[in-house]
Amino acid sequence: MDRRQFNATLMMGSLAGLLAPTVNAQQTAAGTGPAKPVIGMLIYSDMILLDLVGPLTAFNILQTDVRLIAQTPEPVSTDVGLTVTPTATFDRASSALDVLFVPGGLRGTIEAMKDQATIDFLKSAGNQAHYVTSVCTGSLLLGAAGLLKGYNATSHWYVRDLLPLMGATTLKERVVEDRNRITAGGVTAGIDFGLTLAAKLRGEDAAKRIQLLLEYDPRPPFAAGTPDQAGAALTEDIRHRRGALIREAEQAARAAGGRLGI
């Protein structure tokens, strides 16, 4: 083996070591290796693609068993016009999920909150999953299914105050953990969430490797990512532009709370 071959072999070995997940203490029943966590990611029309793709990127590096679950096998439209094809449907999805995850997207979330089949699936899967999680307005959907009653949670800043209507306590944080519930704020918080969950599934070192691979070191060009930073005028402008949807979300949350006896 010449120097070039040796260096190539060494490089490939280093990359393999970097990408390999930390050994999971939980072994497969056959004892042949670490079990892959099973993550069920709900997909539905008008969801925000980044809500899904941010966490999914972390889960993919972590080498988990991801199922994209929808009500039907038809491709699902997203906010940017791209579609996502389910790999499982409500009636065929495994109930034995390590993680149930729900992305957001206010228009789609509101419609899903009114859909009994979606609510029934979330109730069933959420009551059996080890972790029940969401990003952005996905927490409203978890709330509508009764999965946040008695828990601390968060959501996108312009609807997080609706969570108490469904029995949750709102915390103004980017990622909120309460027992086996993990909820994150709007859109970009999905990466923070993905790293948080990765640490729980495979350890902090594995999560740090993912963060470095993604070069996740956010330095936004403007200090306008939260209402406190953006100021009252810009915040009210966003509330005005999204006002009709926010009011619809409140109506859906109140209706869900009524069904939950809140």
C-alpha atoms as a PDB file:
ATOM      1  CA  MET A   1       0.000   0.000   0.000  1.00  0.00           C
ATOM      2  CA  ASP A   2       1.536   3.353  -1.050  1.00  0.00           C
ATOM      3  CA  ARG A   3       1.217   6.622   0.897  1.00  0.00           C
ATOM      4  CA  ARG A   4      -1.767   7.826  -1.170  1.00  0.00           C
ATOM      5  CA  GLN A   5      -3.705   4.601  -0.560  1.00  0.00           C
ATOM      6  CA  PHE A   6      -2.796   4.677   3.120  1.00  0.00           C
ATOM      7  CA  ASN A   7      -3.983   8.275   3.538  1.00  0.00           C
ATOM      8  CA  ALA A   8      -7.238   7.526   1.696  1.00  0.00           C
ATOM      9  CA  THR A   9      -7.877   4.500   3.900  1.00  0.00           C
ATOM     10  CA  LEU A  10      -7.136   6.523   7.021  1.00  0.00           C
ATOM     11  CA  MET A  11      -9.471   9.314   5.884  1.00  0.00           C
ATOM     12  CA  MET A  12     -12.315   6.900   5.179  1.00  0.00           C
ATOM     13  CA  GLY A  13     -11.855   5.288   8.562  1.00  0.00           C
ATOM     14  CA  SER A  14     -11.930   8.674  10.274  1.00  0.00           C
ATOM     15  CA  LEU A  15     -15.128   9.683   8.493  1.00  0.00           C
ATOM     16  CA  ALA A  16     -16.747   6.363   9.316  1.00  0.00           C
ATOM     17  CA  GLY A  17     -15.885   6.866  12.964  1.00  0.00           C
ATOM     18  CA  LEU A  18     -17.286  10.390  12.900  1.00  0.00           C
ATOM     19  CA  LEU A  19     -20.544   9.405  11.279  1.00  0.00           C
ATOM     20  CA  ALA A  20     -21.118   6.223  13.252  1.00  0.00           C
ATOM     21  CA  PRO A  21     -23.692   6.653  16.018  1.00  0.00           C
ATOM     22  CA  THR A  22     -22.742   6.195  19.612  1.00  0.00           C
ATOM     23  CA  VAL A  23     -23.455   2.634  20.681  1.00  0.00           C
ATOM     24  CA  ASN A  24     -26.949   2.423  22.125  1.00  0.00           C
ATOM     25  CA  ALA A  25     -27.144   0.517  25.381  1.00  0.00           C
ATOM     26  CA  GLN A  26     -30.397  -1.028  24.271  1.00  0.00           C
ATOM     27  CA  GLN A  27     -29.550  -4.043  22.099  1.00  0.00           C
ATOM     28  CA  THR A  28     -31.817  -5.748  19.645  1.00  0.00           C
ATOM     29  CA  ALA A  29     -33.683  -8.797  20.803  1.00  0.00           C
ATOM     30  CA  ALA A  30     -31.326 -10.940  18.739  1.00  0.00           C
ATOM     31  CA  GLY A  31     -28.344  -9.325  20.385  1.00  0.00           C
ATOM     32  CA  THR A  32     -26.748  -8.522  17.024  1.00  0.00           C
ATOM     33  CA  GLY A  33     -26.258  -4.791  17.525  1.00  0.00           C
ATOM     34  CA  PRO A  34     -27.730  -1.532  18.764  1.00  0.00           C
ATOM     35  CA  ALA A  35     -31.420  -0.993  18.166  1.00  0.00           C
ATOM     36  CA  LYS A  36     -32.370   1.933  15.958  1.00  0.00           C
ATOM     37  CA  PRO A  37     -34.826   4.308  17.640  1.00  0.00           C
ATOM     38  CA  VAL A  38     -38.117   4.334  15.730  1.00  0.00           C
ATOM     39  CA  ILE A  39     -39.254   7.898  15.026  1.00  0.00           C
ATOM     40  CA  GLY A  40     -42.729   8.519  13.636  1.00  0.00           C
ATOM     41  CA  MET A  41     -42.932  11.945  11.977  1.00  0.00           C
ATOM     42  CA  LEU A  42     -46.447  13.117  11.171  1.00  0.00           C
ATOM     43  CA  ILE A  43     -46.778  14.823   7.794  1.00  0.00           C
ATOM     44  CA  TYR A  44     -49.846  16.767   6.666  1.00  0.00           C
ATOM     45  CA  SER A  45     -50.864  19.306   4.044  1.00  0.00           C
ATOM     46  CA  ASP A  46     -49.500  22.854   4.375  1.00  0.00           C
ATOM     47  CA  MET A  47     -46.932  21.918   6.981  1.00  0.00           C
ATOM     48  CA  ILE A  48     -43.679  23.914   7.002  1.00  0.00           C
ATOM     49  CA  LEU A  49     -41.049  21.825   5.265  1.00  0.00           C
ATOM     50  CA  LEU A  50     -38.202  23.179   7.385  1.00  0.00           C
ATOM     51  CA  ASP A  51     -40.033  22.071  10.541  1.00  0.00           C
ATOM     52  CA  LEU A  52     -39.660  18.528   9.234  1.00  0.00           C
ATOM     53  CA  VAL A  53     -36.297  18.678   7.484  1.00  0.00           C
ATOM     54  CA  GLY A  54     -34.338  20.304  10.334  1.00  0.00           C
ATOM     55  CA  PRO A  55     -34.987  17.479  12.829  1.00  0.00           C
ATOM     56  CA  LEU A  56     -34.961  14.867  10.047  1.00  0.00           C
ATOM     57  CA  THR A  57     -31.414  15.845   9.105  1.00  0.00           C
ATOM     58  CA  ALA A  58     -30.256  15.216  12.670  1.00  0.00           C
ATOM     59  CA  PHE A  59     -32.180  11.933  12.857  1.00  0.00           C
ATOM     60  CA  ASN A  60     -30.688  10.777   9.554  1.00  0.00           C
ATOM     61  CA  ILE A  61     -27.125  11.362  10.766  1.00  0.00           C
ATOM     62  CA  LEU A  62     -28.056   9.566  13.971  1.00  0.00           C
ATOM     63  CA  GLN A  63     -29.127   6.584  11.844  1.00  0.00           C
ATOM     64  CA  THR A  64     -32.603   6.187  13.279  1.00  0.00           C
ATOM     65  CA  ASP A  65     -35.568   4.351  11.795  1.00  0.00           C
ATOM     66  CA  VAL A  66     -37.754   7.211  10.528  1.00  0.00           C
ATOM     67  CA  ARG A  67     -41.350   6.702   9.368  1.00  0.00           C
ATOM     68  CA  LEU A  68     -43.110   9.575   7.603  1.00  0.00           C
ATOM     69  CA  ILE A  69     -46.712   9.025   8.592  1.00  0.00           C
ATOM     70  CA  ALA A  70     -49.759  10.514   6.877  1.00  0.00           C
ATOM     71  CA  GLN A  71     -53.469   9.813   6.743  1.00  0.00           C
ATOM     72  CA  THR A  72     -53.223   8.476   3.171  1.00  0.00           C
ATOM     73  CA  PRO A  73     -50.332   7.264   0.984  1.00  0.00           C
ATOM     74  CA  GLU A  74     -50.666  10.289  -1.315  1.00  0.00           C
ATOM     75  CA  PRO A  75     -47.810  12.854  -1.419  1.00  0.00           C
ATOM     76  CA  VAL A  76     -48.313  15.723   1.004  1.00  0.00           C
ATOM     77  CA  SER A  77     -47.959  19.367  -0.053  1.00  0.00           C
ATOM     78  CA  THR A  78     -45.826  21.765   1.999  1.00  0.00           C
ATOM     79  CA  ASP A  79     -45.503  25.510   2.429  1.00  0.00           C
ATOM     80  CA  VAL A  80     -42.799  25.836  -0.250  1.00  0.00           C
ATOM     81  CA  GLY A  81     -44.631  23.853  -2.911  1.00  0.00           C
ATOM     82  CA  LEU A  82     -42.524  20.708  -2.602  1.00  0.00           C
ATOM     83  CA  THR A  83     -44.263  17.463  -1.692  1.00  0.00           C
ATOM     84  CA  VAL A  84     -43.308  14.776   0.795  1.00  0.00           C
ATOM     85  CA  THR A  85     -44.244  11.158   0.215  1.00  0.00           C
ATOM     86  CA  PRO A  86     -45.376   9.165   3.263  1.00  0.00           C
ATOM     87  CA  THR A  87     -43.726   5.875   4.099  1.00  0.00           C
ATOM     88  CA  ALA A  88     -46.610   4.788   6.350  1.00  0.00           C
ATOM     89  CA  THR A  89     -50.268   5.615   6.925  1.00  0.00           C
ATOM     90  CA  PHE A  90     -52.303   5.900  10.112  1.00  0.00           C
ATOM     91  CA  ASP A  91     -53.728   2.411   9.745  1.00  0.00           C
ATOM     92  CA  ARG A  92     -50.371   0.829   8.906  1.00  0.00           C
ATOM     93  CA  ALA A  93     -48.019   2.758  11.160  1.00  0.00           C
ATOM     94  CA  SER A  94     -46.429   0.875  14.003  1.00  0.00           C
ATOM     95  CA  SER A  95     -47.811   1.821  17.392  1.00  0.00           C
ATOM     96  CA  ALA A  96     -44.440   1.035  18.972  1.00  0.00           C
ATOM     97  CA  LEU A  97     -42.737   4.382  18.423  1.00  0.00           C
ATOM     98  CA  ASP A  98     -39.784   5.578  20.429  1.00  0.00           C
ATOM     99  CA  VAL A  99     -40.593   9.125  19.309  1.00  0.00           C
ATOM    100  CA  LEU A 100     -43.756  10.767  17.998  1.00  0.00           C
ATOM    101  CA  PHE A 101     -42.963  14.029  16.231  1.00  0.00           C
ATOM    102  CA  VAL A 102     -45.321  16.693  14.861  1.00  0.00           C
ATOM    103  CA  PRO A 103     -44.143  19.604  12.680  1.00  0.00           C
ATOM    104  CA  GLY A 104     -45.985  22.896  12.365  1.00  0.00           C
ATOM    105  CA  GLY A 105     -47.429  25.173   9.717  1.00  0.00           C
ATOM    106  CA  LEU A 106     -50.349  27.213  11.047  1.00  0.00           C
ATOM    107  CA  ARG A 107     -52.787  26.811   8.151  1.00  0.00           C
ATOM    108  CA  GLY A 108     -52.266  23.055   8.005  1.00  0.00           C
ATOM    109  CA  THR A 109     -52.190  22.735  11.778  1.00  0.00           C
ATOM    110  CA  ILE A 110     -55.610  24.348  12.130  1.00  0.00           C
ATOM    111  CA  GLU A 111     -57.151  21.938   9.628  1.00  0.00           C
ATOM    112  CA  ALA A 112     -55.465  18.955  11.265  1.00  0.00           C
ATOM    113  CA  MET A 113     -56.792  20.038  14.684  1.00  0.00           C
ATOM    114  CA  LYS A 114     -60.304  19.652  13.252  1.00  0.00           C
ATOM    115  CA  ASP A 115     -59.641  16.254  11.665  1.00  0.00           C
ATOM    116  CA  GLN A 116     -60.787  13.410  13.921  1.00  0.00           C
ATOM    117  CA  ALA A 117     -58.670  10.770  12.190  1.00  0.00           C
ATOM    118  CA  THR A 118     -55.520  12.791  12.832  1.00  0.00           C
ATOM    119  CA  ILE A 119     -56.468  13.435  16.451  1.00  0.00           C
ATOM    120  CA  ASP A 120     -57.260   9.754  17.037  1.00  0.00           C
ATOM    121  CA  PHE A 121     -53.937   8.680  15.543  1.00  0.00           C
ATOM    122  CA  LEU A 122     -51.992  11.137  17.702  1.00  0.00           C
ATOM    123  CA  LYS A 123     -53.812  10.044  20.850  1.00  0.00           C
ATOM    124  CA  SER A 124     -53.057   6.388  20.183  1.00  0.00           C
ATOM    125  CA  ALA A 125     -49.439   6.862  19.119  1.00  0.00           C
ATOM    126  CA  GLY A 126     -48.697   9.511  21.746  1.00  0.00           C
ATOM    127  CA  ASN A 127     -49.981   7.414  24.623  1.00  0.00           C
ATOM    128  CA  GLN A 128     -47.519   4.667  23.687  1.00  0.00           C
ATOM    129  CA  ALA A 129     -44.456   6.622  22.523  1.00  0.00           C
ATOM    130  CA  HIS A 130     -41.443   7.088  24.764  1.00  0.00           C
ATOM    131  CA  TYR A 131     -41.176  10.732  23.676  1.00  0.00           C
ATOM    132  CA  VAL A 132     -43.953  13.019  22.406  1.00  0.00           C
ATOM    133  CA  THR A 133     -42.501  15.978  20.538  1.00  0.00           C
ATOM    134  CA  SER A 134     -43.179  18.900  18.225  1.00  0.00           C
ATOM    135  CA  VAL A 135     -41.756  21.960  16.531  1.00  0.00           C
ATOM    136  CA  CYS A 136     -43.549  25.255  15.920  1.00  0.00           C
ATOM    137  CA  THR A 137     -47.358  25.027  15.805  1.00  0.00           C
ATOM    138  CA  GLY A 138     -47.156  21.247  15.961  1.00  0.00           C
ATOM    139  CA  SER A 139     -47.639  21.656  19.705  1.00  0.00           C
ATOM    140  CA  LEU A 140     -51.159  22.995  19.060  1.00  0.00           C
ATOM    141  CA  LEU A 141     -51.928  19.710  17.351  1.00  0.00           C
ATOM    142  CA  LEU A 142     -50.485  17.743  20.270  1.00  0.00           C
ATOM    143  CA  GLY A 143     -52.592  19.904  22.566  1.00  0.00           C
ATOM    144  CA  ALA A 144     -55.741  19.219  20.560  1.00  0.00           C
ATOM    145  CA  ALA A 145     -55.086  15.499  21.004  1.00  0.00           C
ATOM    146  CA  GLY A 146     -54.880  15.965  24.777  1.00  0.00           C
ATOM    147  CA  LEU A 147     -51.184  15.110  24.851  1.00  0.00           C
ATOM    148  CA  LEU A 148     -50.032  18.319  26.554  1.00  0.00           C
ATOM    149  CA  LYS A 149     -52.652  18.507  29.286  1.00  0.00           C
ATOM    150  CA  GLY A 150     -50.753  19.115  32.530  1.00  0.00           C
ATOM    151  CA  TYR A 151     -47.415  19.684  30.781  1.00  0.00           C
ATOM    152  CA  ASN A 152     -45.176  22.682  30.189  1.00  0.00           C
ATOM    153  CA  ALA A 153     -44.820  23.437  26.486  1.00  0.00           C
ATOM    154  CA  THR A 154     -44.025  26.052  23.889  1.00  0.00           C
ATOM    155  CA  SER A 155     -44.910  26.866  20.286  1.00  0.00           C
ATOM    156  CA  HIS A 156     -44.393  29.585  17.690  1.00  0.00           C
ATOM    157  CA  TRP A 157     -44.409  32.912  19.521  1.00  0.00           C
ATOM    158  CA  TYR A 158     -47.647  34.166  17.956  1.00  0.00           C
ATOM    159  CA  VAL A 159     -49.756  31.184  19.105  1.00  0.00           C
ATOM    160  CA  ARG A 160     -48.004  29.809  22.177  1.00  0.00           C
ATOM    161  CA  ASP A 161     -50.449  31.643  24.458  1.00  0.00           C
ATOM    162  CA  LEU A 162     -53.191  29.369  23.073  1.00  0.00           C
ATOM    163  CA  LEU A 163     -51.680  26.277  24.699  1.00  0.00           C
ATOM    164  CA  PRO A 164     -53.397  26.845  28.093  1.00  0.00           C
ATOM    165  CA  LEU A 165     -56.753  26.586  26.300  1.00  0.00           C
ATOM    166  CA  MET A 166     -55.880  22.887  25.932  1.00  0.00           C
ATOM    167  CA  GLY A 167     -54.495  22.355  29.408  1.00  0.00           C
ATOM    168  CA  ALA A 168     -50.801  23.114  28.920  1.00  0.00           C
ATOM    169  CA  THR A 169     -48.645  25.680  30.681  1.00  0.00           C
ATOM    170  CA  THR A 170     -46.787  27.987  28.292  1.00  0.00           C
ATOM    171  CA  LEU A 171     -43.077  28.582  28.777  1.00  0.00           C
ATOM    172  CA  LYS A 172     -41.335  31.255  26.747  1.00  0.00           C
ATOM    173  CA  GLU A 173     -38.331  29.155  25.780  1.00  0.00           C
ATOM    174  CA  ARG A 174     -36.852  27.854  22.534  1.00  0.00           C
ATOM    175  CA  VAL A 175     -37.050  24.214  23.612  1.00  0.00           C
ATOM    176  CA  VAL A 176     -39.164  23.027  26.542  1.00  0.00           C
ATOM    177  CA  GLU A 177     -38.716  19.614  28.157  1.00  0.00           C
ATOM    178  CA  ASP A 178     -41.268  18.289  30.627  1.00  0.00           C
ATOM    179  CA  ARG A 179     -40.923  14.618  31.447  1.00  0.00           C
ATOM    180  CA  ASN A 180     -41.267  12.848  28.087  1.00  0.00           C
ATOM    181  CA  ARG A 181     -42.709  15.865  26.273  1.00  0.00           C
ATOM    182  CA  ILE A 182     -40.314  17.991  24.212  1.00  0.00           C
ATOM    183  CA  THR A 183     -41.693  20.986  22.325  1.00  0.00           C
ATOM    184  CA  ALA A 184     -39.822  23.670  20.401  1.00  0.00           C
ATOM    185  CA  GLY A 185     -40.573  27.155  19.133  1.00  0.00           C
ATOM    186  CA  GLY A 186     -40.961  28.304  15.567  1.00  0.00           C
ATOM    187  CA  VAL A 187     -39.345  26.716  12.499  1.00  0.00           C
ATOM    188  CA  THR A 188     -35.592  27.164  13.060  1.00  0.00           C
ATOM    189  CA  ALA A 189     -35.912  25.838  16.605  1.00  0.00           C
ATOM    190  CA  GLY A 190     -36.282  22.444  14.918  1.00  0.00           C
ATOM    191  CA  ILE A 191     -32.503  22.091  14.772  1.00  0.00           C
ATOM    192  CA  ASP A 192     -32.192  22.871  18.489  1.00  0.00           C
ATOM    193  CA  PHE A 193     -34.909  20.304  19.095  1.00  0.00           C
ATOM    194  CA  GLY A 194     -33.197  17.712  16.908  1.00  0.00           C
ATOM    195  CA  LEU A 195     -29.949  18.073  18.833  1.00  0.00           C
ATOM    196  CA  THR A 196     -31.785  17.958  22.172  1.00  0.00           C
ATOM    197  CA  LEU A 197     -33.515  14.714  21.237  1.00  0.00           C
ATOM    198  CA  ALA A 198     -30.323  13.248  19.749  1.00  0.00           C
ATOM    199  CA  ALA A 199     -28.631  13.708  23.106  1.00  0.00           C
ATOM    200  CA  LYS A 200     -31.436  11.848  24.843  1.00  0.00           C
ATOM    201  CA  LEU A 201     -31.397   8.977  22.353  1.00  0.00           C
ATOM    202  CA  ARG A 202     -27.648   8.510  21.905  1.00  0.00           C
ATOM    203  CA  GLY A 203     -25.871  10.757  24.369  1.00  0.00           C
ATOM    204  CA  GLU A 204     -24.436  14.263  24.394  1.00  0.00           C
ATOM    205  CA  ASP A 205     -21.296  13.349  22.449  1.00  0.00           C
ATOM    206  CA  ALA A 206     -23.386  12.051  19.538  1.00  0.00           C
ATOM    207  CA  ALA A 207     -25.432  15.265  19.542  1.00  0.00           C
ATOM    208  CA  LYS A 208     -22.265  17.367  19.531  1.00  0.00           C
ATOM    209  CA  ARG A 209     -20.922  15.441  16.548  1.00  0.00           C
ATOM    210  CA  ILE A 210     -24.154  16.176  14.678  1.00  0.00           C
ATOM    211  CA  GLN A 211     -23.941  19.864  15.585  1.00  0.00           C
ATOM    212  CA  LEU A 212     -20.391  20.037  14.264  1.00  0.00           C
ATOM    213  CA  LEU A 213     -21.271  18.159  11.076  1.00  0.00           C
ATOM    214  CA  LEU A 214     -24.100  20.631  10.469  1.00  0.00           C
ATOM    215  CA  GLU A 215     -21.821  23.527  11.442  1.00  0.00           C
ATOM    216  CA  TYR A 216     -24.697  24.772  13.548  1.00  0.00           C
ATOM    217  CA  ASP A 217     -23.331  28.046  14.900  1.00  0.00           C
ATOM    218  CA  PRO A 218     -26.116  30.530  14.130  1.00  0.00           C
ATOM    219  CA  ARG A 219     -25.178  34.180  13.792  1.00  0.00           C
ATOM    220  CA  PRO A 220     -28.174  35.870  12.142  1.00  0.00           C
ATOM    221  CA  PRO A 221     -27.594  39.141  10.283  1.00  0.00           C
ATOM    222  CA  PHE A 222     -30.334  40.901  12.248  1.00  0.00           C
ATOM    223  CA  ALA A 223     -31.487  40.895  15.871  1.00  0.00           C
ATOM    224  CA  ALA A 224     -35.154  40.312  14.978  1.00  0.00           C
ATOM    225  CA  GLY A 225     -35.743  36.642  15.688  1.00  0.00           C
ATOM    226  CA  THR A 226     -38.023  37.125  18.708  1.00  0.00           C
ATOM    227  CA  PRO A 227     -40.665  39.731  19.605  1.00  0.00           C
ATOM    228  CA  ASP A 228     -38.375  41.087  22.323  1.00  0.00           C
ATOM    229  CA  GLN A 229     -35.591  41.631  19.810  1.00  0.00           C
ATOM    230  CA  ALA A 230     -37.765  42.812  16.923  1.00  0.00           C
ATOM    231  CA  GLY A 231     -39.720  45.379  18.941  1.00  0.00           C
ATOM    232  CA  ALA A 232     -43.393  46.222  19.158  1.00  0.00           C
ATOM    233  CA  ALA A 233     -43.894  47.718  15.699  1.00  0.00           C
ATOM    234  CA  LEU A 234     -42.501  44.761  13.733  1.00  0.00           C
ATOM    235  CA  THR A 235     -44.189  42.262  16.047  1.00  0.00           C
ATOM    236  CA  GLU A 236     -47.576  43.895  15.586  1.00  0.00           C
ATOM    237  CA  ASP A 237     -47.040  43.989  11.831  1.00  0.00           C
ATOM    238  CA  ILE A 238     -46.560  40.207  11.803  1.00  0.00           C
ATOM    239  CA  ARG A 239     -49.573  39.700  14.076  1.00  0.00           C
ATOM    240  CA  HIS A 240     -51.679  41.832  11.730  1.00  0.00           C
ATOM    241  CA  ARG A 241     -50.543  39.950   8.621  1.00  0.00           C
ATOM    242  CA  ARG A 242     -51.282  36.591  10.267  1.00  0.00           C
ATOM    243  CA  GLY A 243     -54.290  37.819  12.206  1.00  0.00           C
ATOM    244  CA  ALA A 244     -56.987  35.792  10.440  1.00  0.00           C
ATOM    245  CA  LEU A 245     -55.079  32.527  10.880  1.00  0.00           C
ATOM    246  CA  ILE A 246     -54.271  33.302  14.507  1.00  0.00           C
ATOM    247  CA  ARG A 247     -57.968  33.870  15.191  1.00  0.00           C
ATOM    248  CA  GLU A 248     -58.807  30.576  13.469  1.00  0.00           C
ATOM    249  CA  ALA A 249     -56.181  28.857  15.598  1.00  0.00           C
ATOM    250  CA  GLU A 250     -57.745  30.296  18.746  1.00  0.00           C
ATOM    251  CA  GLN A 251     -61.160  29.006  17.719  1.00  0.00           C
ATOM    252  CA  ALA A 252     -59.719  25.549  17.034  1.00  0.00           C
ATOM    253  CA  ALA A 253     -57.874  25.550  20.357  1.00  0.00           C
ATOM    254  CA  ARG A 254     -60.999  26.568  22.281  1.00  0.00           C
ATOM    255  CA  ALA A 255     -63.000  23.856  20.545  1.00  0.00           C
ATOM    256  CA  ALA A 256     -60.329  21.283  21.356  1.00  0.00           C
ATOM    257  CA  GLY A 257     -60.224  22.446  24.961  1.00  0.00           C
ATOM    258  CA  GLY A 258     -63.977  22.020  25.188  1.00  0.00           C
ATOM    259  CA  ARG A 259     -63.704  18.439  23.937  1.00  0.00           C
ATOM    260  CA  LEU A 260     -60.998  17.837  26.557  1.00  0.00           C
ATOM    261  CA  GLY A 261     -63.196  19.236  29.311  1.00  0.00           C
ATOM    262  CA  ILE A 262     -61.021  22.298  29.926  1.00  0.00           C
END
